[in-house]
Amino acid sequence: MSLRTGITTGTCAAAAAKAAAMVLCGQQAPQSLPLVLPQGQEIQVPILYAHLATDPDVAVAAVRKDGGDDPDVTHGLEILVRVSLAADGDVTFRAGEGVGIVTKPGLQVPPGEPAINPVPRRMIHDAVRQITSRPVCIEVAIPGGRGVAARTYNPRLGIEGGLSVLGTTGIVRPYCIKALRNALKCSLDVAAACGVSSPVLVPGNIGAKAARRHFRLRDEQLIEVGNEWGYMADCLGSCPFAAVMVLGHPGKLAKLAGGQWDTHSSRSDSAVGVVSALYEAVLRKPAPWVPTVEGLFAALTEPGKTQLADRLAQSIREAVAERIHQAMPVAAVLVSMAGECLGTAGDLALWR
C-alpha cells in the first residue's frame, strides 16, 4: 500500500496567502485552490477559511497542516495568514503568533527576520502575485506554535518565539524504513544494470540539484539517500561499481565523519561540533559560536573556507571508504545551501 504524501508549512502558508489575497481583492472565498510547487507541479490545497478582517484593507485565511502518513510536530496545526495592503514596496513578511524570529547568524534567513525560509517566501510571493500586483504585508501565524517549537531544534538554533515555515519542494514525502531501504537497494541495482560505473549519492533535493549543476550525470547515476547513509554504505560493498561520490551540504555529510550514519535530525547530533573541532585544527583559531554548519562557513573568507571544506570533505571520504571496506575509490563534494561548491576530496575525473 502506498503512503500518503503531505504538504509543508511553506505550502500551507502560500495557499493561505493566496486565498486571503483573493478575498482582499473582492473575489469569492475559495474552498480550495490550485498552487504551483517549486518543481513546477500543481496541487489543490483545501482552505480552512478566508474572510475580510474588521479593517477592509486586511484579509485572513488559514490552511490545516496535513503531514500525510509521515506527520511531524506541525501536523494538524492551523497555518494562518493575514494579508494587508501596504503604502509601497513589494511583499514584506511579519511573524505572527507561533512563528519564530531568527536571532543568530548562520541560518538561511538573517537575524531579526521571521523564520520563513527562502523557498516558502518565494512560494508566498508568487502565489500572492497571481492575484494582485499591489504592495502587501504578509503576516504568518501558527496558533500554538510557540509551545510546539520547544520540541524542535529551533531553540538551539536561536529561533525564538515559535516554529519555522519550511519546505524546499512543498511536499512531505512519507516513508517506512523497510520500504525506503528496499527502494534504495533497488536504485543501486538499477544503476548497475543500466551500466552506471560511478554513482553519486546525495541526501536530497539540494544535493541533487547541485550534482546536476556541477557534473554530467545520467538519471540512473544520481541516487537520493535521505538519511540512510549507513544502510547504503553497507550495500555498496557488494556492488560492482568502479567508484562512488558522496555530495551534499556539510551540515548533513559531516555527521558521517563523526561516525553518525543515520543523519536524521531527531536521531543524530548536530554536525556543528564535528566541523568546529576541524575548524580549530585546520585554521588554528577558535571556532565562532554559531548554531549551524552553514554559519561556520559563512563566517570564513577565502582561503580559509576552502581549506576547511577540503579537509572536511577528506574526512568524509575517509569515513565512507572505511565503512565500505575500501571496496572502491570514494570522492566527496561539499556544497552550500545555494549549491555552490565549497570543497572536494578524491579524484573527480569520472564525473567531469
Protein backbone atom coordinates (compact mmCIF):
# COMPACT_ATOMS: atom_id res chain seq x y z
CA MET A 1 0.00 0.00 0.00
CA SER A 2 1.39 3.40 -0.95
CA LEU A 3 1.81 6.02 1.73
CA ARG A 4 0.00 9.35 1.51
CA THR A 5 2.08 12.48 0.94
CA GLY A 6 1.51 15.68 2.89
CA ILE A 7 2.25 19.36 2.41
CA THR A 8 4.88 21.54 4.06
CA THR A 9 4.21 24.55 6.26
CA GLY A 10 5.50 26.66 3.36
CA THR A 11 2.84 25.25 1.03
CA CYS A 12 0.15 25.87 3.65
CA ALA A 13 1.27 29.49 4.09
CA ALA A 14 1.42 30.12 0.35
CA ALA A 15 -2.08 28.72 -0.19
CA ALA A 16 -3.49 30.72 2.73
CA ALA A 17 -1.81 33.88 1.45
CA LYS A 18 -3.31 33.35 -2.00
CA ALA A 19 -6.78 32.80 -0.54
CA ALA A 20 -6.53 35.93 1.62
CA ALA A 21 -5.34 37.96 -1.37
CA MET A 22 -8.34 36.76 -3.38
CA VAL A 23 -10.77 37.91 -0.68
CA LEU A 24 -8.89 41.19 -0.27
CA CYS A 25 -9.34 41.84 -3.99
CA GLY A 26 -13.09 41.22 -3.89
CA GLN A 27 -13.10 37.62 -5.10
CA GLN A 28 -15.17 34.87 -3.51
CA ALA A 29 -13.54 32.97 -0.65
CA PRO A 30 -12.29 29.65 -2.10
CA GLN A 31 -12.90 26.26 -0.52
CA SER A 32 -9.74 25.04 -2.21
CA LEU A 33 -7.32 26.48 -4.72
CA PRO A 34 -4.51 25.43 -7.09
CA LEU A 35 -0.92 26.08 -6.04
CA VAL A 36 2.22 25.63 -8.12
CA LEU A 37 5.06 23.97 -6.19
CA PRO A 38 8.76 24.83 -6.60
CA GLN A 39 9.40 21.99 -9.04
CA GLY A 40 6.50 23.02 -11.26
CA GLN A 41 3.74 20.57 -10.35
CA GLU A 42 0.31 21.94 -9.40
CA ILE A 43 -1.68 20.68 -6.42
CA GLN A 44 -5.09 21.55 -4.98
CA VAL A 45 -4.96 22.83 -1.39
CA PRO A 46 -8.09 22.90 0.84
CA ILE A 47 -8.74 26.25 2.54
CA LEU A 48 -9.98 26.16 6.13
CA TYR A 49 -11.47 29.65 5.94
CA ALA A 50 -10.90 33.01 4.23
CA HIS A 51 -12.58 36.34 5.04
CA LEU A 52 -12.06 40.06 5.39
CA ALA A 53 -10.94 41.35 8.79
CA THR A 54 -12.55 44.27 10.58
CA ASP A 55 -10.25 46.52 8.57
CA PRO A 56 -11.35 46.27 4.90
CA ASP A 57 -7.69 46.50 3.84
CA VAL A 58 -6.88 43.24 5.64
CA ALA A 59 -7.94 39.66 4.86
CA VAL A 60 -7.32 36.46 6.79
CA ALA A 61 -7.14 32.86 5.59
CA ALA A 62 -5.95 29.56 7.01
CA VAL A 63 -4.92 26.06 5.93
CA ARG A 64 -4.73 22.98 8.16
CA LYS A 65 -1.27 21.40 8.02
CA ASP A 66 -1.50 17.84 6.74
CA GLY A 67 1.68 15.81 7.14
CA GLY A 68 0.28 12.81 5.27
CA ASP A 69 1.35 9.41 6.58
CA ASP A 70 4.60 10.82 7.93
CA PRO A 71 3.34 13.59 10.21
CA ASP A 72 5.73 15.72 12.25
CA VAL A 73 5.07 18.06 15.16
CA THR A 74 3.26 20.55 12.91
CA HIS A 75 0.68 18.02 11.68
CA GLY A 76 -2.84 19.30 12.30
CA LEU A 77 -1.81 22.84 13.17
CA GLU A 78 -3.55 25.84 11.62
CA ILE A 79 -1.32 27.94 9.37
CA LEU A 80 -2.92 31.38 9.38
CA VAL A 81 -2.00 34.28 7.09
CA ARG A 82 -3.08 37.92 7.27
CA VAL A 83 -2.61 39.88 4.06
CA SER A 84 -2.81 43.66 4.36
CA LEU A 85 -2.40 46.40 1.78
CA ALA A 86 0.75 48.49 2.16
CA ALA A 87 1.61 52.02 1.03
CA ASP A 88 4.62 50.97 -1.04
CA GLY A 89 7.14 48.23 -1.66
CA ASP A 90 6.61 44.65 -2.82
CA VAL A 91 5.78 41.76 -0.49
CA THR A 92 7.03 42.06 3.09
CA PHE A 93 6.85 39.44 5.84
CA ARG A 94 5.98 39.53 9.53
CA ALA A 95 5.91 36.83 12.19
CA GLY A 96 2.55 36.36 13.84
CA GLU A 97 1.70 34.23 16.85
CA GLY A 98 3.67 31.00 16.94
CA VAL A 99 6.15 31.85 14.16
CA GLY A 100 9.71 32.34 15.36
CA ILE A 101 12.15 35.20 14.87
CA VAL A 102 15.73 34.48 13.85
CA THR A 103 18.15 35.86 16.47
CA LYS A 104 21.52 34.41 15.44
CA PRO A 105 23.57 34.36 12.23
CA GLY A 106 24.22 31.26 10.18
CA LEU A 107 20.70 30.38 9.07
CA GLN A 108 19.15 30.91 5.64
CA VAL A 109 17.31 33.97 6.99
CA PRO A 110 19.21 36.83 8.68
CA PRO A 111 18.73 37.81 12.34
CA GLY A 112 15.68 39.92 13.04
CA GLU A 113 13.60 38.34 10.28
CA PRO A 114 10.63 35.97 10.66
CA ALA A 115 11.72 32.33 10.43
CA ILE A 116 10.18 31.89 7.00
CA ASN A 117 12.73 30.18 4.77
CA PRO A 118 13.62 31.40 1.26
CA VAL A 119 11.64 28.82 -0.73
CA PRO A 120 8.39 29.39 1.23
CA ARG A 121 8.91 33.15 0.87
CA ARG A 122 9.18 32.72 -2.88
CA MET A 123 6.10 30.49 -2.94
CA ILE A 124 4.09 33.03 -0.92
CA HIS A 125 5.30 35.91 -3.09
CA ASP A 126 4.42 34.11 -6.33
CA ALA A 127 1.02 32.96 -5.03
CA VAL A 128 0.03 36.47 -3.98
CA ARG A 129 1.34 37.98 -7.20
CA GLN A 130 -1.02 35.71 -9.15
CA ILE A 131 -3.84 37.71 -7.56
CA THR A 132 -2.57 41.28 -7.14
CA SER A 133 0.41 43.47 -8.01
CA ARG A 134 -0.24 45.89 -5.14
CA PRO A 135 2.22 46.22 -2.22
CA VAL A 136 1.21 43.88 0.60
CA CYS A 137 2.37 42.78 4.03
CA ILE A 138 2.16 39.06 4.81
CA GLU A 139 1.86 38.03 8.45
CA VAL A 140 2.14 34.28 9.03
CA ALA A 141 0.91 32.82 12.32
CA ILE A 142 0.75 29.29 13.71
CA PRO A 143 -1.52 29.27 16.78
CA GLY A 144 0.06 27.02 19.39
CA GLY A 145 3.39 27.14 17.57
CA ARG A 146 5.33 28.59 20.50
CA GLY A 147 4.71 25.52 22.63
CA VAL A 148 5.32 23.07 19.79
CA ALA A 149 8.60 24.79 18.90
CA ALA A 150 10.05 23.75 22.25
CA ARG A 151 10.09 20.16 20.91
CA THR A 152 12.12 21.14 17.83
CA TYR A 153 15.69 22.32 17.15
CA ASN A 154 14.55 25.95 16.96
CA PRO A 155 15.59 26.96 20.50
CA ARG A 156 19.10 25.57 19.85
CA LEU A 157 19.29 27.39 16.52
CA GLY A 158 18.42 30.75 18.04
CA ILE A 159 14.91 30.91 16.59
CA GLU A 160 12.78 32.42 19.32
CA GLY A 161 9.04 32.58 19.83
CA GLY A 162 7.80 29.78 17.63
CA LEU A 163 8.15 27.49 14.65
CA SER A 164 9.81 27.93 11.27
CA VAL A 165 7.96 27.95 7.96
CA LEU A 166 9.86 25.39 5.91
CA GLY A 167 9.94 23.33 2.74
CA THR A 168 12.15 23.04 -0.34
CA THR A 169 9.78 21.01 -2.54
CA GLY A 170 6.40 21.88 -0.97
CA ILE A 171 5.61 18.22 -0.38
CA VAL A 172 6.15 15.99 2.67
CA ARG A 173 7.09 12.53 1.43
CA PRO A 174 6.35 9.78 3.95
CA TYR A 175 8.25 6.56 4.18
CA CYS A 176 8.60 3.40 6.23
CA ILE A 177 12.17 2.25 6.84
CA LYS A 178 11.77 -1.18 5.22
CA ALA A 179 10.12 0.19 2.07
CA LEU A 180 12.65 3.01 1.83
CA ARG A 181 15.60 0.66 2.14
CA ASN A 182 14.14 -1.68 -0.44
CA ALA A 183 13.77 1.26 -2.82
CA LEU A 184 17.33 2.43 -2.15
CA LYS A 185 18.75 -1.03 -2.79
CA CYS A 186 16.73 -1.19 -5.99
CA SER A 187 18.20 2.15 -7.07
CA LEU A 188 21.70 0.68 -6.77
CA ASP A 189 20.63 -2.43 -8.68
CA VAL A 190 19.05 -0.34 -11.43
CA ALA A 191 22.14 1.85 -11.69
CA ALA A 192 24.36 -1.22 -12.07
CA ALA A 193 22.00 -2.83 -14.58
CA CYS A 194 22.00 0.36 -16.67
CA GLY A 195 25.77 0.33 -16.90
CA VAL A 196 26.47 3.03 -14.32
CA SER A 197 30.00 2.62 -13.02
CA SER A 198 30.23 5.64 -10.72
CA PRO A 199 27.02 6.56 -8.85
CA VAL A 200 26.57 9.83 -6.96
CA LEU A 201 24.85 9.65 -3.58
CA VAL A 202 23.14 12.79 -2.26
CA PRO A 203 20.94 13.44 0.80
CA GLY A 204 18.04 15.02 -1.10
CA ASN A 205 16.83 17.85 -3.30
CA ILE A 206 19.59 20.41 -2.57
CA GLY A 207 22.32 17.86 -3.26
CA ALA A 208 20.58 16.53 -6.36
CA LYS A 209 20.30 19.98 -7.93
CA ALA A 210 23.92 20.79 -7.10
CA ALA A 211 25.14 17.46 -8.50
CA ARG A 212 23.40 18.10 -11.82
CA ARG A 213 24.74 21.63 -11.87
CA HIS A 214 28.40 20.69 -11.35
CA PHE A 215 28.68 17.30 -13.04
CA ARG A 216 27.48 15.49 -16.16
CA LEU A 217 25.23 12.74 -14.81
CA ARG A 218 22.79 10.20 -16.16
CA ASP A 219 19.45 9.92 -14.37
CA GLU A 220 20.26 6.45 -13.04
CA GLN A 221 23.59 7.70 -11.72
CA LEU A 222 22.08 10.07 -9.14
CA ILE A 223 20.67 8.42 -6.01
CA GLU A 224 18.93 10.27 -3.16
CA VAL A 225 19.83 8.56 0.10
CA GLY A 226 17.82 10.64 2.57
CA ASN A 227 19.26 9.76 5.99
CA GLU A 228 20.08 6.09 5.26
CA TRP A 229 23.84 6.51 4.81
CA GLY A 230 24.81 3.51 6.90
CA TYR A 231 22.49 1.19 5.03
CA MET A 232 23.62 2.46 1.64
CA ALA A 233 27.30 2.24 2.56
CA ASP A 234 26.79 -1.38 3.64
CA CYS A 235 25.04 -2.13 0.33
CA LEU A 236 27.80 -0.51 -1.71
CA GLY A 237 30.37 -3.06 -0.58
CA SER A 238 28.76 -5.74 -2.74
CA CYS A 239 28.04 -3.53 -5.78
CA PRO A 240 30.10 -3.72 -9.00
CA PHE A 241 30.94 -0.03 -9.19
CA ALA A 242 34.29 1.47 -10.13
CA ALA A 243 33.91 4.44 -7.78
CA VAL A 244 31.32 6.37 -5.78
CA MET A 245 30.82 10.04 -4.97
CA VAL A 246 29.00 11.45 -1.95
CA LEU A 247 27.80 15.02 -2.43
CA GLY A 248 25.81 17.30 -0.19
CA HIS A 249 25.71 20.03 2.41
CA PRO A 250 28.33 19.74 5.17
CA GLY A 251 25.64 20.11 7.81
CA LYS A 252 24.45 16.66 6.77
CA LEU A 253 27.55 14.89 5.48
CA ALA A 254 29.86 15.99 8.32
CA LYS A 255 27.89 13.60 10.53
CA LEU A 256 29.44 10.72 8.59
CA ALA A 257 32.91 11.93 9.57
CA GLY A 258 31.67 11.91 13.17
CA GLY A 259 30.51 8.29 12.90
CA GLN A 260 26.79 9.07 12.65
CA TRP A 261 25.35 7.07 9.74
CA ASP A 262 21.67 7.80 10.37
CA THR A 263 21.66 11.55 9.77
CA HIS A 264 18.04 12.31 10.69
CA SER A 265 17.98 15.35 12.99
CA SER A 266 15.95 13.52 15.64
CA ARG A 267 18.35 10.55 15.70
CA SER A 268 21.72 12.26 15.38
CA ASP A 269 23.64 15.12 16.92
CA SER A 270 24.24 18.40 15.17
CA ALA A 271 27.26 18.43 12.86
CA VAL A 272 28.42 21.75 14.34
CA GLY A 273 30.63 20.00 16.90
CA VAL A 274 32.44 17.94 14.28
CA VAL A 275 33.02 20.91 11.99
CA SER A 276 34.02 23.24 14.85
CA ALA A 277 36.70 20.79 16.02
CA LEU A 278 38.06 20.53 12.49
CA TYR A 279 37.88 24.33 12.13
CA GLU A 280 40.19 24.75 15.12
CA ALA A 281 42.58 22.01 13.96
CA VAL A 282 42.86 23.28 10.39
CA LEU A 283 42.74 27.05 10.90
CA ARG A 284 44.40 27.08 14.34
CA LYS A 285 41.97 29.52 15.89
CA PRO A 286 38.80 29.18 17.98
CA ALA A 287 35.63 28.46 16.04
CA PRO A 288 32.91 31.10 16.43
CA TRP A 289 29.74 30.03 18.17
CA VAL A 290 27.07 29.78 15.54
CA PRO A 291 24.06 27.43 15.51
CA THR A 292 24.68 25.82 12.11
CA VAL A 293 27.46 24.50 9.91
CA GLU A 294 26.33 26.91 7.19
CA GLY A 295 27.05 29.71 9.66
CA LEU A 296 30.56 28.42 10.35
CA PHE A 297 31.39 28.57 6.66
CA ALA A 298 29.67 31.93 6.21
CA ALA A 299 31.93 33.40 8.89
CA LEU A 300 35.02 32.49 6.85
CA THR A 301 36.66 34.17 3.89
CA GLU A 302 38.97 32.59 1.34
CA PRO A 303 41.29 30.75 1.58
CA GLY A 304 40.11 29.56 4.99
CA LYS A 305 36.71 28.48 3.72
CA THR A 306 38.21 26.23 1.05
CA GLN A 307 40.84 24.85 3.43
CA LEU A 308 38.18 23.82 5.94
CA ALA A 309 35.82 22.44 3.30
CA ASP A 310 38.54 20.40 1.58
CA ARG A 311 39.71 18.93 4.88
CA LEU A 312 36.15 18.10 5.91
CA ALA A 313 35.49 16.50 2.52
CA GLN A 314 38.62 14.39 3.03
CA SER A 315 37.39 13.27 6.47
CA ILE A 316 34.03 12.30 4.95
CA ARG A 317 35.76 10.49 2.08
CA GLU A 318 37.89 8.51 4.54
CA ALA A 319 34.87 7.63 6.70
CA VAL A 320 32.89 6.31 3.75
CA ALA A 321 35.88 4.39 2.36
CA GLU A 322 36.38 2.71 5.74
CA ARG A 323 32.67 1.89 6.06
CA ILE A 324 32.63 0.16 2.64
CA HIS A 325 35.91 -1.65 3.48
CA GLN A 326 37.79 0.12 0.68
CA ALA A 327 35.62 -1.70 -1.89
CA MET A 328 36.06 1.15 -4.39
CA PRO A 329 37.52 4.66 -4.62
CA VAL A 330 35.44 7.35 -2.93
CA ALA A 331 35.13 11.06 -3.75
CA ALA A 332 33.37 13.68 -1.64
CA VAL A 333 31.99 17.06 -2.65
CA LEU A 334 30.53 19.62 -0.25
CA VAL A 335 28.11 22.31 -1.39
CA SER A 336 26.40 25.28 0.24
CA MET A 337 22.65 25.66 0.59
CA ALA A 338 22.79 27.67 -2.63
CA GLY A 339 24.51 24.79 -4.42
CA GLU A 340 27.95 26.42 -4.65
CA CYS A 341 30.92 24.08 -4.35
CA LEU A 342 32.70 24.50 -1.01
CA GLY A 343 35.29 21.74 -1.08
CA THR A 344 36.24 18.39 -2.61
CA ALA A 345 38.29 15.29 -1.91
CA GLY A 346 39.26 12.42 -4.18
CA ASP A 347 39.54 12.07 -7.94
CA LEU A 348 36.55 13.66 -9.68
CA ALA A 349 37.61 12.82 -13.22
CA LEU A 350 34.97 10.09 -13.66
CA TRP A 351 32.17 12.64 -13.21
CA ARG A 352 33.52 15.53 -15.28
